[in-house]
């Protein structure tokens, strides 16, 4: 199960509809690592963590 499913991320909205139910089940419940929204969220989280760590390093001097 996708770890981001319950976070109501707008990037997931295109998959979470009745008209795309099969796709939603395929991505969200089974193969979430191949989902474009999942990859985008993971990449964004990595950039945020990197920026945060750099900021902490600069502040710590």
PDB file of N, CA and C in Angstrom:
ATOM      1  N   UNK A   1       0.853  -1.177   0.000  1.00  0.00           N
ATOM      2  CA  UNK A   1       0.000   0.000   0.000  1.00  0.00           C
ATOM      3  C   UNK A   1       0.897   1.237   0.000  1.00  0.00           C
ATOM      4  N   UNK A   2       0.538   2.201  -0.785  1.00  0.00           N
ATOM      5  CA  UNK A   2       1.315   3.434  -0.887  1.00  0.00           C
ATOM      6  C   UNK A   2       1.335   4.165   0.461  1.00  0.00           C
ATOM      7  N   UNK A   3       2.516   4.539   0.928  1.00  0.00           N
ATOM      8  CA  UNK A   3       2.601   5.234   2.205  1.00  0.00           C
ATOM      9  C   UNK A   3       2.043   6.658   2.164  1.00  0.00           C
ATOM     10  N   UNK A   4       1.822   7.213   0.994  1.00  0.00           N
ATOM     11  CA  UNK A   4       1.313   8.581   0.865  1.00  0.00           C
ATOM     12  C   UNK A   4      -0.196   8.646   0.623  1.00  0.00           C
ATOM     13  N   UNK A   5      -0.832   7.499   0.540  1.00  0.00           N
ATOM     14  CA  UNK A   5      -2.248   7.441   0.179  1.00  0.00           C
ATOM     15  C   UNK A   5      -3.139   8.239   1.119  1.00  0.00           C
ATOM     16  N   UNK A   6      -2.903   8.182   2.392  1.00  0.00           N
ATOM     17  CA  UNK A   6      -3.770   8.847   3.360  1.00  0.00           C
ATOM     18  C   UNK A   6      -3.397  10.305   3.632  1.00  0.00           C
ATOM     19  N   UNK A   7      -2.436  10.842   2.909  1.00  0.00           N
ATOM     20  CA  UNK A   7      -2.008  12.216   3.142  1.00  0.00           C
ATOM     21  C   UNK A   7      -2.752  13.225   2.278  1.00  0.00           C
ATOM     22  N   UNK A   8      -3.681  12.783   1.487  1.00  0.00           N
ATOM     23  CA  UNK A   8      -4.497  13.652   0.628  1.00  0.00           C
ATOM     24  C   UNK A   8      -3.634  14.575  -0.232  1.00  0.00           C
ATOM     25  N   UNK A   9      -2.573  14.037  -0.792  1.00  0.00           N
ATOM     26  CA  UNK A   9      -1.690  14.828  -1.637  1.00  0.00           C
ATOM     27  C   UNK A   9      -2.379  15.099  -2.974  1.00  0.00           C
ATOM     28  N   UNK A  10      -2.411  16.353  -3.408  1.00  0.00           N
ATOM     29  CA  UNK A  10      -3.096  16.680  -4.666  1.00  0.00           C
ATOM     30  C   UNK A  10      -2.481  15.989  -5.884  1.00  0.00           C
ATOM     31  N   UNK A  11      -1.231  15.585  -5.792  1.00  0.00           N
ATOM     32  CA  UNK A  11      -0.597  14.879  -6.913  1.00  0.00           C
ATOM     33  C   UNK A  11      -1.198  13.494  -7.115  1.00  0.00           C
ATOM     34  N   UNK A  12      -1.856  12.982  -6.106  1.00  0.00           N
ATOM     35  CA  UNK A  12      -2.497  11.668  -6.204  1.00  0.00           C
ATOM     36  C   UNK A  12      -3.919  11.765  -6.759  1.00  0.00           C
ATOM     37  N   UNK A  13      -4.488  12.937  -6.771  1.00  0.00           N
ATOM     38  CA  UNK A  13      -5.898  13.120  -7.123  1.00  0.00           C
ATOM     39  C   UNK A  13      -6.247  12.575  -8.503  1.00  0.00           C
ATOM     40  N   UNK A  14      -5.337  12.658  -9.454  1.00  0.00           N
ATOM     41  CA  UNK A  14      -5.662  12.178 -10.801  1.00  0.00           C
ATOM     42  C   UNK A  14      -5.893  10.672 -10.836  1.00  0.00           C
ATOM     43  N   UNK A  15      -5.326   9.945  -9.898  1.00  0.00           N
ATOM     44  CA  UNK A  15      -5.507   8.489  -9.849  1.00  0.00           C
ATOM     45  C   UNK A  15      -6.709   8.076  -9.005  1.00  0.00           C
ATOM     46  N   UNK A  16      -7.112   8.923  -8.089  1.00  0.00           N
ATOM     47  CA  UNK A  16      -8.143   8.544  -7.117  1.00  0.00           C
ATOM     48  C   UNK A  16      -9.525   9.012  -7.549  1.00  0.00           C
ATOM     49  N   UNK A  17     -10.063   8.344  -8.534  1.00  0.00           N
ATOM     50  CA  UNK A  17     -11.417   8.649  -8.991  1.00  0.00           C
ATOM     51  C   UNK A  17     -12.086   7.346  -9.404  1.00  0.00           C
ATOM     52  N   UNK A  18     -13.398   7.362  -9.414  1.00  0.00           N
ATOM     53  CA  UNK A  18     -14.128   6.155  -9.803  1.00  0.00           C
ATOM     54  C   UNK A  18     -13.857   5.766 -11.243  1.00  0.00           C
ATOM     55  N   UNK A  19     -13.683   6.747 -12.100  1.00  0.00           N
ATOM     56  CA  UNK A  19     -13.446   6.440 -13.509  1.00  0.00           C
ATOM     57  C   UNK A  19     -12.067   5.807 -13.734  1.00  0.00           C
ATOM     58  N   UNK A  20     -11.173   5.965 -12.779  1.00  0.00           N
ATOM     59  CA  UNK A  20      -9.832   5.396 -12.898  1.00  0.00           C
ATOM     60  C   UNK A  20      -9.556   4.420 -11.755  1.00  0.00           C
ATOM     61  N   UNK A  21     -10.594   3.759 -11.294  1.00  0.00           N
ATOM     62  CA  UNK A  21     -10.493   2.870 -10.143  1.00  0.00           C
ATOM     63  C   UNK A  21      -9.460   1.764 -10.350  1.00  0.00           C
ATOM     64  N   UNK A  22      -9.447   1.154 -11.504  1.00  0.00           N
ATOM     65  CA  UNK A  22      -8.483   0.075 -11.773  1.00  0.00           C
ATOM     66  C   UNK A  22      -7.049   0.591 -11.679  1.00  0.00           C
ATOM     67  N   UNK A  23      -6.814   1.771 -12.227  1.00  0.00           N
ATOM     68  CA  UNK A  23      -5.478   2.375 -12.159  1.00  0.00           C
ATOM     69  C   UNK A  23      -5.111   2.700 -10.705  1.00  0.00           C
ATOM     70  N   UNK A  24      -6.065   3.217  -9.962  1.00  0.00           N
ATOM     71  CA  UNK A  24      -5.826   3.545  -8.556  1.00  0.00           C
ATOM     72  C   UNK A  24      -5.449   2.286  -7.773  1.00  0.00           C
ATOM     73  N   UNK A  25      -6.184   1.215  -7.977  1.00  0.00           N
ATOM     74  CA  UNK A  25      -5.874  -0.034  -7.284  1.00  0.00           C
ATOM     75  C   UNK A  25      -4.516  -0.574  -7.704  1.00  0.00           C
ATOM     76  N   UNK A  26      -4.225  -0.452  -8.989  1.00  0.00           N
ATOM     77  CA  UNK A  26      -2.947  -0.933  -9.493  1.00  0.00           C
ATOM     78  C   UNK A  26      -1.789  -0.175  -8.873  1.00  0.00           C
ATOM     79  N   UNK A  27      -1.875   1.140  -8.874  1.00  0.00           N
ATOM     80  CA  UNK A  27      -0.785   1.958  -8.329  1.00  0.00           C
ATOM     81  C   UNK A  27      -0.787   1.979  -6.803  1.00  0.00           C
ATOM     82  N   UNK A  28      -1.879   2.381  -6.217  1.00  0.00           N
ATOM     83  CA  UNK A  28      -1.922   2.670  -4.780  1.00  0.00           C
ATOM     84  C   UNK A  28      -1.825   1.427  -3.904  1.00  0.00           C
ATOM     85  N   UNK A  29      -2.393   0.339  -4.360  1.00  0.00           N
ATOM     86  CA  UNK A  29      -2.429  -0.856  -3.538  1.00  0.00           C
ATOM     87  C   UNK A  29      -1.369  -1.881  -3.915  1.00  0.00           C
ATOM     88  N   UNK A  30      -0.805  -1.757  -5.094  1.00  0.00           N
ATOM     89  CA  UNK A  30       0.093  -2.818  -5.549  1.00  0.00           C
ATOM     90  C   UNK A  30       1.465  -2.288  -5.954  1.00  0.00           C
ATOM     91  N   UNK A  31       1.517  -1.542  -7.026  1.00  0.00           N
ATOM     92  CA  UNK A  31       2.786  -1.157  -7.647  1.00  0.00           C
ATOM     93  C   UNK A  31       3.054   0.337  -7.475  1.00  0.00           C
ATOM     94  N   UNK A  32       2.919   0.825  -6.235  1.00  0.00           N
ATOM     95  CA  UNK A  32       3.003   2.273  -5.996  1.00  0.00           C
ATOM     96  C   UNK A  32       4.370   2.849  -6.336  1.00  0.00           C
ATOM     97  N   UNK A  33       5.427   2.054  -6.287  1.00  0.00           N
ATOM     98  CA  UNK A  33       6.755   2.574  -6.584  1.00  0.00           C
ATOM     99  C   UNK A  33       6.923   2.965  -8.049  1.00  0.00           C
ATOM    100  N   UNK A  34       6.047   2.484  -8.920  1.00  0.00           N
ATOM    101  CA  UNK A  34       6.110   2.877 -10.322  1.00  0.00           C
ATOM    102  C   UNK A  34       5.163   4.034 -10.643  1.00  0.00           C
ATOM    103  N   UNK A  35       4.423   4.495  -9.659  1.00  0.00           N
ATOM    104  CA  UNK A  35       3.465   5.589  -9.850  1.00  0.00           C
ATOM    105  C   UNK A  35       4.212   6.913 -10.029  1.00  0.00           C
ATOM    106  N   UNK A  36       3.867   7.688 -11.058  1.00  0.00           N
ATOM    107  CA  UNK A  36       4.524   8.982 -11.262  1.00  0.00           C
ATOM    108  C   UNK A  36       4.342   9.940 -10.085  1.00  0.00           C
ATOM    109  N   UNK A  37       3.180   9.934  -9.463  1.00  0.00           N
ATOM    110  CA  UNK A  37       2.941  10.816  -8.312  1.00  0.00           C
ATOM    111  C   UNK A  37       3.812  10.394  -7.135  1.00  0.00           C
ATOM    112  N   UNK A  38       3.934   9.105  -6.881  1.00  0.00           N
ATOM    113  CA  UNK A  38       4.779   8.600  -5.799  1.00  0.00           C
ATOM    114  C   UNK A  38       6.223   9.037  -6.017  1.00  0.00           C
ATOM    115  N   UNK A  39       6.722   8.856  -7.229  1.00  0.00           N
ATOM    116  CA  UNK A  39       8.117   9.238  -7.519  1.00  0.00           C
ATOM    117  C   UNK A  39       8.325  10.731  -7.324  1.00  0.00           C
ATOM    118  N   UNK A  40       7.360  11.533  -7.746  1.00  0.00           N
ATOM    119  CA  UNK A  40       7.460  12.981  -7.583  1.00  0.00           C
ATOM    120  C   UNK A  40       7.481  13.362  -6.095  1.00  0.00           C
ATOM    121  N   UNK A  41       6.651  12.732  -5.295  1.00  0.00           N
ATOM    122  CA  UNK A  41       6.609  13.012  -3.862  1.00  0.00           C
ATOM    123  C   UNK A  41       7.932  12.623  -3.209  1.00  0.00           C
ATOM    124  N   UNK A  42       8.453  11.442  -3.549  1.00  0.00           N
ATOM    125  CA  UNK A  42       9.712  10.968  -2.972  1.00  0.00           C
ATOM    126  C   UNK A  42      10.856  11.902  -3.354  1.00  0.00           C
ATOM    127  N   UNK A  43      10.909  12.304  -4.618  1.00  0.00           N
ATOM    128  CA  UNK A  43      11.969  13.219  -5.062  1.00  0.00           C
ATOM    129  C   UNK A  43      11.855  14.561  -4.349  1.00  0.00           C
ATOM    130  N   UNK A  44      10.648  15.069  -4.198  1.00  0.00           N
ATOM    131  CA  UNK A  44      10.436  16.336  -3.515  1.00  0.00           C
ATOM    132  C   UNK A  44      10.856  16.242  -2.048  1.00  0.00           C
ATOM    133  N   UNK A  45      10.512  15.138  -1.394  1.00  0.00           N
ATOM    134  CA  UNK A  45      10.909  14.933  -0.006  1.00  0.00           C
ATOM    135  C   UNK A  45      12.428  14.900   0.132  1.00  0.00           C
ATOM    136  N   UNK A  46      13.114  14.264  -0.822  1.00  0.00           N
ATOM    137  CA  UNK A  46      14.577  14.186  -0.772  1.00  0.00           C
ATOM    138  C   UNK A  46      15.196  15.571  -0.911  1.00  0.00           C
ATOM    139  N   UNK A  47      14.662  16.390  -1.801  1.00  0.00           N
ATOM    140  CA  UNK A  47      15.164  17.755  -1.973  1.00  0.00           C
ATOM    141  C   UNK A  47      14.927  18.565  -0.704  1.00  0.00           C
ATOM    142  N   UNK A  48      13.766  18.431  -0.110  1.00  0.00           N
ATOM    143  CA  UNK A  48      13.454  19.162   1.123  1.00  0.00           C
ATOM    144  C   UNK A  48      14.388  18.754   2.253  1.00  0.00           C
ATOM    145  N   UNK A  49      14.639  17.446   2.390  1.00  0.00           N
ATOM    146  CA  UNK A  49      15.553  16.976   3.438  1.00  0.00           C
ATOM    147  C   UNK A  49      16.956  17.507   3.213  1.00  0.00           C
ATOM    148  N   UNK A  50      17.407  17.497   1.977  1.00  0.00           N
ATOM    149  CA  UNK A  50      18.738  17.983   1.645  1.00  0.00           C
ATOM    150  C   UNK A  50      18.863  19.468   1.961  1.00  0.00           C
ATOM    151  N   UNK A  51      17.859  20.252   1.576  1.00  0.00           N
ATOM    152  CA  UNK A  51      17.858  21.688   1.849  1.00  0.00           C
ATOM    153  C   UNK A  51      17.843  21.946   3.345  1.00  0.00           C
ATOM    154  N   UNK A  52      17.050  21.190   4.068  1.00  0.00           N
ATOM    155  CA  UNK A  52      16.955  21.341   5.519  1.00  0.00           C
ATOM    156  C   UNK A  52      18.301  21.028   6.181  1.00  0.00           C
ATOM    157  N   UNK A  53      18.938  19.940   5.755  1.00  0.00           N
ATOM    158  CA  UNK A  53      20.227  19.558   6.332  1.00  0.00           C
ATOM    159  C   UNK A  53      21.290  20.606   6.023  1.00  0.00           C
ATOM    160  N   UNK A  54      21.287  21.159   4.821  1.00  0.00           N
ATOM    161  CA  UNK A  54      22.235  22.196   4.454  1.00  0.00           C
ATOM    162  C   UNK A  54      22.015  23.423   5.307  1.00  0.00           C
ATOM    163  N   UNK A  55      20.763  23.806   5.509  1.00  0.00           N
ATOM    164  CA  UNK A  55      20.440  24.968   6.337  1.00  0.00           C
ATOM    165  C   UNK A  55      20.909  24.763   7.777  1.00  0.00           C
ATOM    166  N   UNK A  56      20.673  23.583   8.324  1.00  0.00           N
ATOM    167  CA  UNK A  56      21.118  23.291   9.682  1.00  0.00           C
ATOM    168  C   UNK A  56      22.646  23.362   9.790  1.00  0.00           C
ATOM    169  N   UNK A  57      23.324  22.856   8.774  1.00  0.00           N
ATOM    170  CA  UNK A  57      24.779  22.879   8.769  1.00  0.00           C
ATOM    171  C   UNK A  57      25.299  24.312   8.750  1.00  0.00           C
ATOM    172  N   UNK A  58      24.704  25.161   7.945  1.00  0.00           N
ATOM    173  CA  UNK A  58      25.103  26.573   7.853  1.00  0.00           C
ATOM    174  C   UNK A  58      24.834  27.272   9.181  1.00  0.00           C
ATOM    175  N   UNK A  59      23.668  27.027   9.773  1.00  0.00           N
ATOM    176  CA  UNK A  59      23.326  27.669  11.032  1.00  0.00           C
ATOM    177  C   UNK A  59      24.221  27.202  12.176  1.00  0.00           C
ATOM    178  N   UNK A  60      24.639  25.953  12.119  1.00  0.00           N
ATOM    179  CA  UNK A  60      25.494  25.413  13.173  1.00  0.00           C
ATOM    180  C   UNK A  60      26.923  25.966  13.072  1.00  0.00           C
ATOM    181  N   UNK A  61      27.237  26.469  11.879  1.00  0.00           N
ATOM    182  CA  UNK A  61      28.502  27.145  11.649  1.00  0.00           C
ATOM    183  C   UNK A  61      29.666  26.284  11.807  1.00  0.00           C
TER     184      UNK A  61
END
